C-alpha atoms as a PDB file:
ATOM      1  CA  UNK A   1       0.000   0.000   0.000  1.00  0.00           C
ATOM      2  CA  UNK A   2       0.902   3.655  -0.253  1.00  0.00           C
ATOM      3  CA  UNK A   3       0.265   6.059   2.600  1.00  0.00           C
ATOM      4  CA  UNK A   4      -3.082   7.750   1.895  1.00  0.00           C
ATOM      5  CA  UNK A   5      -3.663  11.495   1.704  1.00  0.00           C
ATOM      6  CA  UNK A   6      -6.260  11.351   4.476  1.00  0.00           C
ATOM      7  CA  UNK A   7      -4.781  10.364   7.836  1.00  0.00           C
ATOM      8  CA  UNK A   8      -6.952   7.808   9.699  1.00  0.00           C
ATOM      9  CA  UNK A   9      -8.514   9.176  12.886  1.00  0.00           C
ATOM     10  CA  UNK A  10      -6.732   6.565  14.999  1.00  0.00           C
ATOM     11  CA  UNK A  11      -3.387   7.690  13.582  1.00  0.00           C
ATOM     12  CA  UNK A  12      -4.157  11.322  14.355  1.00  0.00           C
ATOM     13  CA  UNK A  13      -4.984  10.240  17.911  1.00  0.00           C
ATOM     14  CA  UNK A  14      -1.660   8.374  18.147  1.00  0.00           C
ATOM     15  CA  UNK A  15       0.183  11.506  17.039  1.00  0.00           C
ATOM     16  CA  UNK A  16      -1.612  13.684  19.577  1.00  0.00           C
ATOM     17  CA  UNK A  17      -1.021  11.209  22.392  1.00  0.00           C
ATOM     18  CA  UNK A  18       2.693  10.829  21.676  1.00  0.00           C
ATOM     19  CA  UNK A  19       3.400  14.313  20.278  1.00  0.00           C
ATOM     20  CA  UNK A  20       4.526  12.655  17.047  1.00  0.00           C
ATOM     21  CA  UNK A  21       6.121  13.106  14.643  1.00  0.00           C
ATOM     22  CA  UNK A  22       8.095  16.195  15.790  1.00  0.00           C
ATOM     23  CA  UNK A  23       7.623  16.591  19.537  1.00  0.00           C
ATOM     24  CA  UNK A  24       5.602  19.198  21.384  1.00  0.00           C
ATOM     25  CA  UNK A  25       5.155  22.817  20.329  1.00  0.00           C
ATOM     26  CA  UNK A  26       7.467  23.740  23.207  1.00  0.00           C
ATOM     27  CA  UNK A  27      10.516  22.016  21.742  1.00  0.00           C
ATOM     28  CA  UNK A  28      12.025  25.094  20.082  1.00  0.00           C
ATOM     29  CA  UNK A  29      11.363  27.388  23.047  1.00  0.00           C
ATOM     30  CA  UNK A  30      13.272  25.090  25.394  1.00  0.00           C
ATOM     31  CA  UNK A  31      16.684  25.294  23.740  1.00  0.00           C
ATOM     32  CA  UNK A  32      18.130  27.316  26.621  1.00  0.00           C
ATOM     33  CA  UNK A  33      17.584  24.304  28.893  1.00  0.00           C
ATOM     34  CA  UNK A  34      20.094  22.219  26.903  1.00  0.00           C
ATOM     35  CA  UNK A  35      19.863  18.491  27.566  1.00  0.00           C
ATOM     36  CA  UNK A  36      18.248  18.775  30.965  1.00  0.00           C
ATOM     37  CA  UNK A  37      15.644  16.153  31.848  1.00  0.00           C
ATOM     38  CA  UNK A  38      13.083  18.940  32.195  1.00  0.00           C
ATOM     39  CA  UNK A  39      13.589  19.910  28.560  1.00  0.00           C
ATOM     40  CA  UNK A  40      13.511  16.287  27.419  1.00  0.00           C
ATOM     41  CA  UNK A  41      10.243  15.642  29.217  1.00  0.00           C
ATOM     42  CA  UNK A  42       8.568  18.837  28.013  1.00  0.00           C
ATOM     43  CA  UNK A  43       9.706  18.406  24.409  1.00  0.00           C
ATOM     44  CA  UNK A  44       8.749  14.706  24.179  1.00  0.00           C
ATOM     45  CA  UNK A  45      10.540  11.691  22.676  1.00  0.00           C
ATOM     46  CA  UNK A  46       9.787  12.669  19.063  1.00  0.00           C
ATOM     47  CA  UNK A  47      11.578  16.029  19.259  1.00  0.00           C
ATOM     48  CA  UNK A  48      15.104  14.768  18.603  1.00  0.00           C
ATOM     49  CA  UNK A  49      15.036  13.506  15.018  1.00  0.00           C
ATOM     50  CA  UNK A  50      13.592  15.678  12.268  1.00  0.00           C
ATOM     51  CA  UNK A  51      12.363  13.830   9.186  1.00  0.00           C
ATOM     52  CA  UNK A  52      10.057  14.039   6.205  1.00  0.00           C
ATOM     53  CA  UNK A  53       6.440  14.980   6.898  1.00  0.00           C
ATOM     54  CA  UNK A  54       5.286  11.467   5.916  1.00  0.00           C
ATOM     55  CA  UNK A  55       6.273  10.318   9.415  1.00  0.00           C
ATOM     56  CA  UNK A  56       2.831  11.429  10.624  1.00  0.00           C
ATOM     57  CA  UNK A  57       1.544   8.326   8.842  1.00  0.00           C
ATOM     58  CA  UNK A  58       4.592   6.053   9.097  1.00  0.00           C
ATOM     59  CA  UNK A  59       4.965   6.081  12.884  1.00  0.00           C
ATOM     60  CA  UNK A  60       1.361   5.170  13.803  1.00  0.00           C
ATOM     61  CA  UNK A  61       1.143   2.695  10.899  1.00  0.00           C
ATOM     62  CA  UNK A  62       4.308   0.852  11.977  1.00  0.00           C
ATOM     63  CA  UNK A  63       3.206   0.852  15.629  1.00  0.00           C
ATOM     64  CA  UNK A  64      -0.201  -0.565  14.667  1.00  0.00           C
ATOM     65  CA  UNK A  65       1.323  -3.353  12.562  1.00  0.00           C
ATOM     66  CA  UNK A  66       3.703  -4.401  15.340  1.00  0.00           C
ATOM     67  CA  UNK A  67       1.001  -4.366  17.993  1.00  0.00           C
ATOM     68  CA  UNK A  68      -1.030  -6.734  15.809  1.00  0.00           C
ATOM     69  CA  UNK A  69       1.865  -9.198  15.771  1.00  0.00           C
ATOM     70  CA  UNK A  70       1.860  -9.819  19.508  1.00  0.00           C
ATOM     71  CA  UNK A  71       3.109  -8.756  22.935  1.00  0.00           C
ATOM     72  CA  UNK A  72       6.597  -8.584  24.387  1.00  0.00           C
ATOM     73  CA  UNK A  73       8.268  -8.893  21.005  1.00  0.00           C
ATOM     74  CA  UNK A  74      12.004  -8.624  20.375  1.00  0.00           C
ATOM     75  CA  UNK A  75      12.400  -5.853  17.810  1.00  0.00           C
ATOM     76  CA  UNK A  76      15.383  -4.490  15.898  1.00  0.00           C
ATOM     77  CA  UNK A  77      14.684  -0.939  14.671  1.00  0.00           C
ATOM     78  CA  UNK A  78      17.074  -0.502  11.729  1.00  0.00           C
ATOM     79  CA  UNK A  79      18.003   3.122  11.130  1.00  0.00           C
ATOM     80  CA  UNK A  80      16.317   4.201  14.366  1.00  0.00           C
ATOM     81  CA  UNK A  81      18.689   7.117  14.923  1.00  0.00           C
ATOM     82  CA  UNK A  82      17.132   9.277  17.681  1.00  0.00           C
ATOM     83  CA  UNK A  83      13.541   8.912  16.471  1.00  0.00           C
ATOM     84  CA  UNK A  84      10.776   8.576  19.034  1.00  0.00           C
ATOM     85  CA  UNK A  85       9.047   5.411  17.790  1.00  0.00           C
ATOM     86  CA  UNK A  86      11.683   3.170  19.382  1.00  0.00           C
ATOM     87  CA  UNK A  87      10.839   4.623  22.805  1.00  0.00           C
ATOM     88  CA  UNK A  88       7.088   4.277  22.256  1.00  0.00           C
ATOM     89  CA  UNK A  89       7.539   0.603  21.349  1.00  0.00           C
ATOM     90  CA  UNK A  90       9.706   0.021  24.409  1.00  0.00           C
ATOM     91  CA  UNK A  91       7.138   1.640  26.690  1.00  0.00           C
ATOM     92  CA  UNK A  92       4.524  -0.663  25.107  1.00  0.00           C
ATOM     93  CA  UNK A  93       6.405  -3.637  26.564  1.00  0.00           C
ATOM     94  CA  UNK A  94       8.619  -4.745  23.691  1.00  0.00           C
ATOM     95  CA  UNK A  95      12.361  -5.402  23.863  1.00  0.00           C
ATOM     96  CA  UNK A  96      13.717  -2.846  21.414  1.00  0.00           C
ATOM     97  CA  UNK A  97      17.183  -2.697  19.864  1.00  0.00           C
ATOM     98  CA  UNK A  98      18.026   0.483  17.955  1.00  0.00           C
ATOM     99  CA  UNK A  99      20.485  -0.259  15.156  1.00  0.00           C
ATOM    100  CA  UNK A 100      22.151   2.713  13.497  1.00  0.00           C
ATOM    101  CA  UNK A 101      25.775   3.363  12.467  1.00  0.00           C
ATOM    102  CA  UNK A 102      25.144   7.103  12.420  1.00  0.00           C
ATOM    103  CA  UNK A 103      27.615   9.092  10.341  1.00  0.00           C
ATOM    104  CA  UNK A 104      29.562   5.871   9.655  1.00  0.00           C
ATOM    105  CA  UNK A 105      26.778   4.643   7.384  1.00  0.00           C
ATOM    106  CA  UNK A 106      27.968   3.752   3.890  1.00  0.00           C
ATOM    107  CA  UNK A 107      25.022   5.710   2.472  1.00  0.00           C
ATOM    108  CA  UNK A 108      23.170   8.614   4.022  1.00  0.00           C
ATOM    109  CA  UNK A 109      23.606   8.885   7.794  1.00  0.00           C
ATOM    110  CA  UNK A 110      22.688  11.144  10.704  1.00  0.00           C
ATOM    111  CA  UNK A 111      24.586  11.703  13.917  1.00  0.00           C
ATOM    112  CA  UNK A 112      23.755   9.219  16.677  1.00  0.00           C
ATOM    113  CA  UNK A 113      25.113  10.227  20.092  1.00  0.00           C
ATOM    114  CA  UNK A 114      25.170   7.120  22.370  1.00  0.00           C
ATOM    115  CA  UNK A 115      25.328   9.227  25.537  1.00  0.00           C
ATOM    116  CA  UNK A 116      22.315  11.314  24.525  1.00  0.00           C
ATOM    117  CA  UNK A 117      20.461   8.193  23.379  1.00  0.00           C
ATOM    118  CA  UNK A 118      20.955   6.637  26.811  1.00  0.00           C
ATOM    119  CA  UNK A 119      19.714   9.835  28.450  1.00  0.00           C
ATOM    120  CA  UNK A 120      16.577   9.748  26.293  1.00  0.00           C
ATOM    121  CA  UNK A 121      15.965   6.086  27.159  1.00  0.00           C
ATOM    122  CA  UNK A 122      16.346   6.787  30.885  1.00  0.00           C
ATOM    123  CA  UNK A 123      14.208   9.940  30.794  1.00  0.00           C
ATOM    124  CA  UNK A 124      11.318   8.282  28.966  1.00  0.00           C
ATOM    125  CA  UNK A 125      11.675   5.052  30.964  1.00  0.00           C
ATOM    126  CA  UNK A 126      12.129   3.160  27.735  1.00  0.00           C
ATOM    127  CA  UNK A 127      15.151   0.821  28.007  1.00  0.00           C
ATOM    128  CA  UNK A 128      16.079   0.721  24.321  1.00  0.00           C
ATOM    129  CA  UNK A 129      19.494  -0.821  23.658  1.00  0.00           C
ATOM    130  CA  UNK A 130      21.532   1.080  21.080  1.00  0.00           C
ATOM    131  CA  UNK A 131      23.772  -0.759  18.612  1.00  0.00           C
ATOM    132  CA  UNK A 132      25.781   2.015  16.887  1.00  0.00           C
ATOM    133  CA  UNK A 133      26.683  -0.123  13.905  1.00  0.00           C
ATOM    134  CA  UNK A 134      25.170  -1.796  10.849  1.00  0.00           C
ATOM    135  CA  UNK A 135      22.574  -4.528  11.249  1.00  0.00           C
ATOM    136  CA  UNK A 136      24.933  -7.246  10.043  1.00  0.00           C
ATOM    137  CA  UNK A 137      27.546  -6.204  12.623  1.00  0.00           C
ATOM    138  CA  UNK A 138      25.116  -5.818  15.532  1.00  0.00           C
ATOM    139  CA  UNK A 139      25.667  -9.389  16.711  1.00  0.00           C
ATOM    140  CA  UNK A 140      22.094 -10.669  16.787  1.00  0.00           C
ATOM    141  CA  UNK A 141      21.978 -14.403  17.376  1.00  0.00           C
ATOM    142  CA  UNK A 142      20.309 -16.739  14.918  1.00  0.00           C
ATOM    143  CA  UNK A 143      16.504 -16.884  15.343  1.00  0.00           C
ATOM    144  CA  UNK A 144      16.593 -14.171  18.027  1.00  0.00           C
ATOM    145  CA  UNK A 145      14.269 -11.487  16.615  1.00  0.00           C
ATOM    146  CA  UNK A 146      10.501 -11.404  16.247  1.00  0.00           C
ATOM    147  CA  UNK A 147      10.418  -8.218  14.167  1.00  0.00           C
ATOM    148  CA  UNK A 148      12.770  -6.115  12.090  1.00  0.00           C
ATOM    149  CA  UNK A 149      11.413  -2.589  11.766  1.00  0.00           C
ATOM    150  CA  UNK A 150      12.739  -0.019   9.329  1.00  0.00           C
ATOM    151  CA  UNK A 151      11.155   3.385   8.753  1.00  0.00           C
ATOM    152  CA  UNK A 152      12.280   5.018   5.495  1.00  0.00           C
ATOM    153  CA  UNK A 153      15.845   3.735   5.783  1.00  0.00           C
ATOM    154  CA  UNK A 154      16.638   0.870   3.443  1.00  0.00           C
ATOM    155  CA  UNK A 155      16.193   2.977   0.303  1.00  0.00           C
ATOM    156  CA  UNK A 156      19.456   4.650   1.374  1.00  0.00           C
ATOM    157  CA  UNK A 157      21.345   1.323   1.137  1.00  0.00           C
ATOM    158  CA  UNK A 158      23.501   0.465  -1.842  1.00  0.00           C
ATOM    159  CA  UNK A 159      22.850  -2.836  -3.717  1.00  0.00           C
ATOM    160  CA  UNK A 160      25.623  -4.748  -1.914  1.00  0.00           C
ATOM    161  CA  UNK A 161      24.569  -3.483   1.507  1.00  0.00           C
ATOM    162  CA  UNK A 162      20.946  -4.368   0.791  1.00  0.00           C
ATOM    163  CA  UNK A 163      21.913  -7.951  -0.088  1.00  0.00           C
ATOM    164  CA  UNK A 164      24.018  -8.230   3.075  1.00  0.00           C
ATOM    165  CA  UNK A 165      21.143  -6.842   5.140  1.00  0.00           C
ATOM    166  CA  UNK A 166      18.728  -9.396   3.634  1.00  0.00           C
ATOM    167  CA  UNK A 167      21.057 -12.299   4.420  1.00  0.00           C
ATOM    168  CA  UNK A 168      21.583 -11.102   7.997  1.00  0.00           C
ATOM    169  CA  UNK A 169      17.862 -10.474   8.491  1.00  0.00           C
ATOM    170  CA  UNK A 170      16.934 -14.006   7.369  1.00  0.00           C
ATOM    171  CA  UNK A 171      19.398 -15.433   9.867  1.00  0.00           C
ATOM    172  CA  UNK A 172      18.373 -13.252  12.817  1.00  0.00           C
ATOM    173  CA  UNK A 173      14.593 -13.538  12.454  1.00  0.00           C
ATOM    174  CA  UNK A 174      12.761 -16.389  14.134  1.00  0.00           C
ATOM    175  CA  UNK A 175      10.790 -18.722  11.868  1.00  0.00           C
ATOM    176  CA  UNK A 176       7.577 -16.853  11.183  1.00  0.00           C
ATOM    177  CA  UNK A 177       9.226 -13.556  12.102  1.00  0.00           C
ATOM    178  CA  UNK A 178       8.218 -10.344  10.371  1.00  0.00           C
ATOM    179  CA  UNK A 179       9.659  -7.287   8.709  1.00  0.00           C
ATOM    180  CA  UNK A 180       7.666  -4.065   9.073  1.00  0.00           C
ATOM    181  CA  UNK A 181       8.989  -1.609   6.511  1.00  0.00           C
ATOM    182  CA  UNK A 182       8.226   1.815   5.118  1.00  0.00           C
ATOM    183  CA  UNK A 183      10.161   2.635   1.966  1.00  0.00           C
ATOM    184  CA  UNK A 184      10.281   5.982   0.185  1.00  0.00           C
ATOM    185  CA  UNK A 185       9.094   6.107  -3.410  1.00  0.00           C
ATOM    186  CA  UNK A 186      10.748   9.207  -4.847  1.00  0.00           C
ATOM    187  CA  UNK A 187       8.670  11.140  -7.353  1.00  0.00           C
ATOM    188  CA  UNK A 188      11.741  12.784  -8.904  1.00  0.00           C
ATOM    189  CA  UNK A 189      13.366   9.464  -9.897  1.00  0.00           C
ATOM    190  CA  UNK A 190      12.787   6.522 -12.244  1.00  0.00           C
ATOM    191  CA  UNK A 191      10.083   5.378 -13.049  1.00  0.00           C
ATOM    192  CA  UNK A 192       8.573   8.882 -12.927  1.00  0.00           C
ATOM    193  CA  UNK A 193      11.586  10.678 -14.470  1.00  0.00           C
ATOM    194  CA  UNK A 194      14.824   9.629 -16.193  1.00  0.00           C
ATOM    195  CA  UNK A 195      16.912  10.329 -13.067  1.00  0.00           C
ATOM    196  CA  UNK A 196      18.348   7.294 -11.227  1.00  0.00           C
ATOM    197  CA  UNK A 197      19.459   8.786  -7.893  1.00  0.00           C
ATOM    198  CA  UNK A 198      18.979  11.875  -5.734  1.00  0.00           C
ATOM    199  CA  UNK A 199      20.753  12.995  -2.560  1.00  0.00           C
ATOM    200  CA  UNK A 200      18.615  10.640  -0.464  1.00  0.00           C
ATOM    201  CA  UNK A 201      18.918   7.402  -2.404  1.00  0.00           C
ATOM    202  CA  UNK A 202      17.174   5.472  -5.181  1.00  0.00           C
ATOM    203  CA  UNK A 203      13.842   3.848  -5.873  1.00  0.00           C
ATOM    204  CA  UNK A 204      14.875   0.352  -4.840  1.00  0.00           C
ATOM    205  CA  UNK A 205      12.980  -2.729  -5.945  1.00  0.00           C
ATOM    206  CA  UNK A 206      10.684  -3.901  -3.157  1.00  0.00           C
ATOM    207  CA  UNK A 207      10.153  -7.157  -5.062  1.00  0.00           C
ATOM    208  CA  UNK A 208      13.896  -7.850  -5.154  1.00  0.00           C
ATOM    209  CA  UNK A 209      14.171  -7.244  -1.421  1.00  0.00           C
ATOM    210  CA  UNK A 210      11.274  -9.617  -0.629  1.00  0.00           C
ATOM    211  CA  UNK A 211      12.876 -12.245  -2.870  1.00  0.00           C
ATOM    212  CA  UNK A 212      16.288 -11.809  -1.215  1.00  0.00           C
ATOM    213  CA  UNK A 213      14.638 -12.247   2.187  1.00  0.00           C
ATOM    214  CA  UNK A 214      12.842 -15.385   0.975  1.00  0.00           C
ATOM    215  CA  UNK A 215       9.794 -13.796   2.565  1.00  0.00           C
ATOM    216  CA  UNK A 216       6.060 -13.697   1.897  1.00  0.00           C
ATOM    217  CA  UNK A 217       4.332 -10.355   1.398  1.00  0.00           C
ATOM    218  CA  UNK A 218       1.508 -10.094   3.951  1.00  0.00           C
ATOM    219  CA  UNK A 219       0.636  -6.387   3.747  1.00  0.00           C
ATOM    220  CA  UNK A 220       1.160  -4.437   0.537  1.00  0.00           C
ATOM    221  CA  UNK A 221      -0.414  -3.894  -2.881  1.00  0.00           C
ATOM    222  CA  UNK A 222       1.943  -5.115  -5.626  1.00  0.00           C
ATOM    223  CA  UNK A 223       0.479  -2.622  -8.100  1.00  0.00           C
ATOM    224  CA  UNK A 224       1.922   0.288  -6.102  1.00  0.00           C
ATOM    225  CA  UNK A 225       5.096  -1.372  -4.752  1.00  0.00           C
ATOM    226  CA  UNK A 226       8.013  -0.565  -7.015  1.00  0.00           C
ATOM    227  CA  UNK A 227       9.770  -3.532  -8.614  1.00  0.00           C
ATOM    228  CA  UNK A 228       6.862  -5.975  -8.774  1.00  0.00           C
ATOM    229  CA  UNK A 229       5.700  -6.947 -12.281  1.00  0.00           C
ATOM    230  CA  UNK A 230       2.254  -5.633 -11.353  1.00  0.00           C
ATOM    231  CA  UNK A 231       3.618  -2.163 -10.455  1.00  0.00           C
ATOM    232  CA  UNK A 232       1.788   0.466 -12.479  1.00  0.00           C
ATOM    233  CA  UNK A 233       3.500   3.875 -12.549  1.00  0.00           C
ATOM    234  CA  UNK A 234       0.620   5.247 -14.597  1.00  0.00           C
ATOM    235  CA  UNK A 235      -1.875   4.236 -11.914  1.00  0.00           C
ATOM    236  CA  UNK A 236       0.245   5.905  -9.228  1.00  0.00           C
ATOM    237  CA  UNK A 237       0.367   9.141 -11.234  1.00  0.00           C
ATOM    238  CA  UNK A 238      -3.342   9.055 -12.047  1.00  0.00           C
ATOM    239  CA  UNK A 239      -4.213   8.543  -8.375  1.00  0.00           C
ATOM    240  CA  UNK A 240      -1.563  10.894  -6.989  1.00  0.00           C
ATOM    241  CA  UNK A 241      -4.129  13.101  -5.239  1.00  0.00           C
ATOM    242  CA  UNK A 242      -5.143  10.100  -3.103  1.00  0.00           C
ATOM    243  CA  UNK A 243      -1.672   9.693  -1.580  1.00  0.00           C
ATOM    244  CA  UNK A 244       0.307  11.521   1.077  1.00  0.00           C
ATOM    245  CA  UNK A 245       3.238  13.387  -0.484  1.00  0.00           C
ATOM    246  CA  UNK A 246       6.137  14.362   1.753  1.00  0.00           C
ATOM    247  CA  UNK A 247       7.680  17.816   2.023  1.00  0.00           C
ATOM    248  CA  UNK A 248      10.476  16.261   0.001  1.00  0.00           C
ATOM    249  CA  UNK A 249       8.429  14.706  -2.836  1.00  0.00           C
ATOM    250  CA  UNK A 250       8.052  11.090  -1.822  1.00  0.00           C
ATOM    251  CA  UNK A 251       5.259   8.602  -1.459  1.00  0.00           C
ATOM    252  CA  UNK A 252       5.453   6.013   1.313  1.00  0.00           C
ATOM    253  CA  UNK A 253       5.377   2.302   0.449  1.00  0.00           C
ATOM    254  CA  UNK A 254       4.175   0.227   3.429  1.00  0.00           C
ATOM    255  CA  UNK A 255       5.131  -3.435   3.653  1.00  0.00           C
ATOM    256  CA  UNK A 256       4.782  -6.289   6.130  1.00  0.00           C
ATOM    257  CA  UNK A 257       6.582  -9.500   5.149  1.00  0.00           C
ATOM    258  CA  UNK A 258       6.945 -12.840   6.920  1.00  0.00           C
ATOM    259  CA  UNK A 259       9.944 -15.165   6.731  1.00  0.00           C
ATOM    260  CA  UNK A 260       9.895 -18.946   7.134  1.00  0.00           C
END
């Protein structure tokens, strides 16, 4: 599926409850308080990682999909950076591992400060464990994860890194484990223009990723997921007014896949 233009009421309620996707309106006025716990609490857990406007759909959608999969899940959030969803999932009772190499990423990366991350986890009473490295180097044991979550991250991977990620994900996920993914579909790249890459990444083949994972697509419409034979760029363009378009012109592909 693609994120719709109209935000579901339940998603709007999630955003109000958690001050997602950008923290509270007080966040900018509290700069003089530095990294004090008072500022952290007043600004909220979503104030520390700015992203595309599509996060207002992506965060509640990903949370909803994971909650449907069960309780007390072991989750690896790939590309979590300092984003607030990892803390919300932890407070919901899941064991959450944030995996992000920060500025050492081979593609696009953002700064990840382990000390500040720990302070956020302590302040929000959300014991997320940070792995400041790539997923394949994070040391997850075989069959140790219930869910791999990735919010608009894997489109930044190069082809070799994507293949390595798929191999590592297959090994780390339990039989029947799931991937919950949102993947940017850039409107300024192929198949909508003749441009292959922009500063953020490429339009990667979702079909190729699912095949590399040896996974089954459980949530997602092949006609609007790039790379599937059924993908119809003309349909996407004709129905563009029905979809949420980010401040940077992207659509959001939403995928849940099961391995084993």
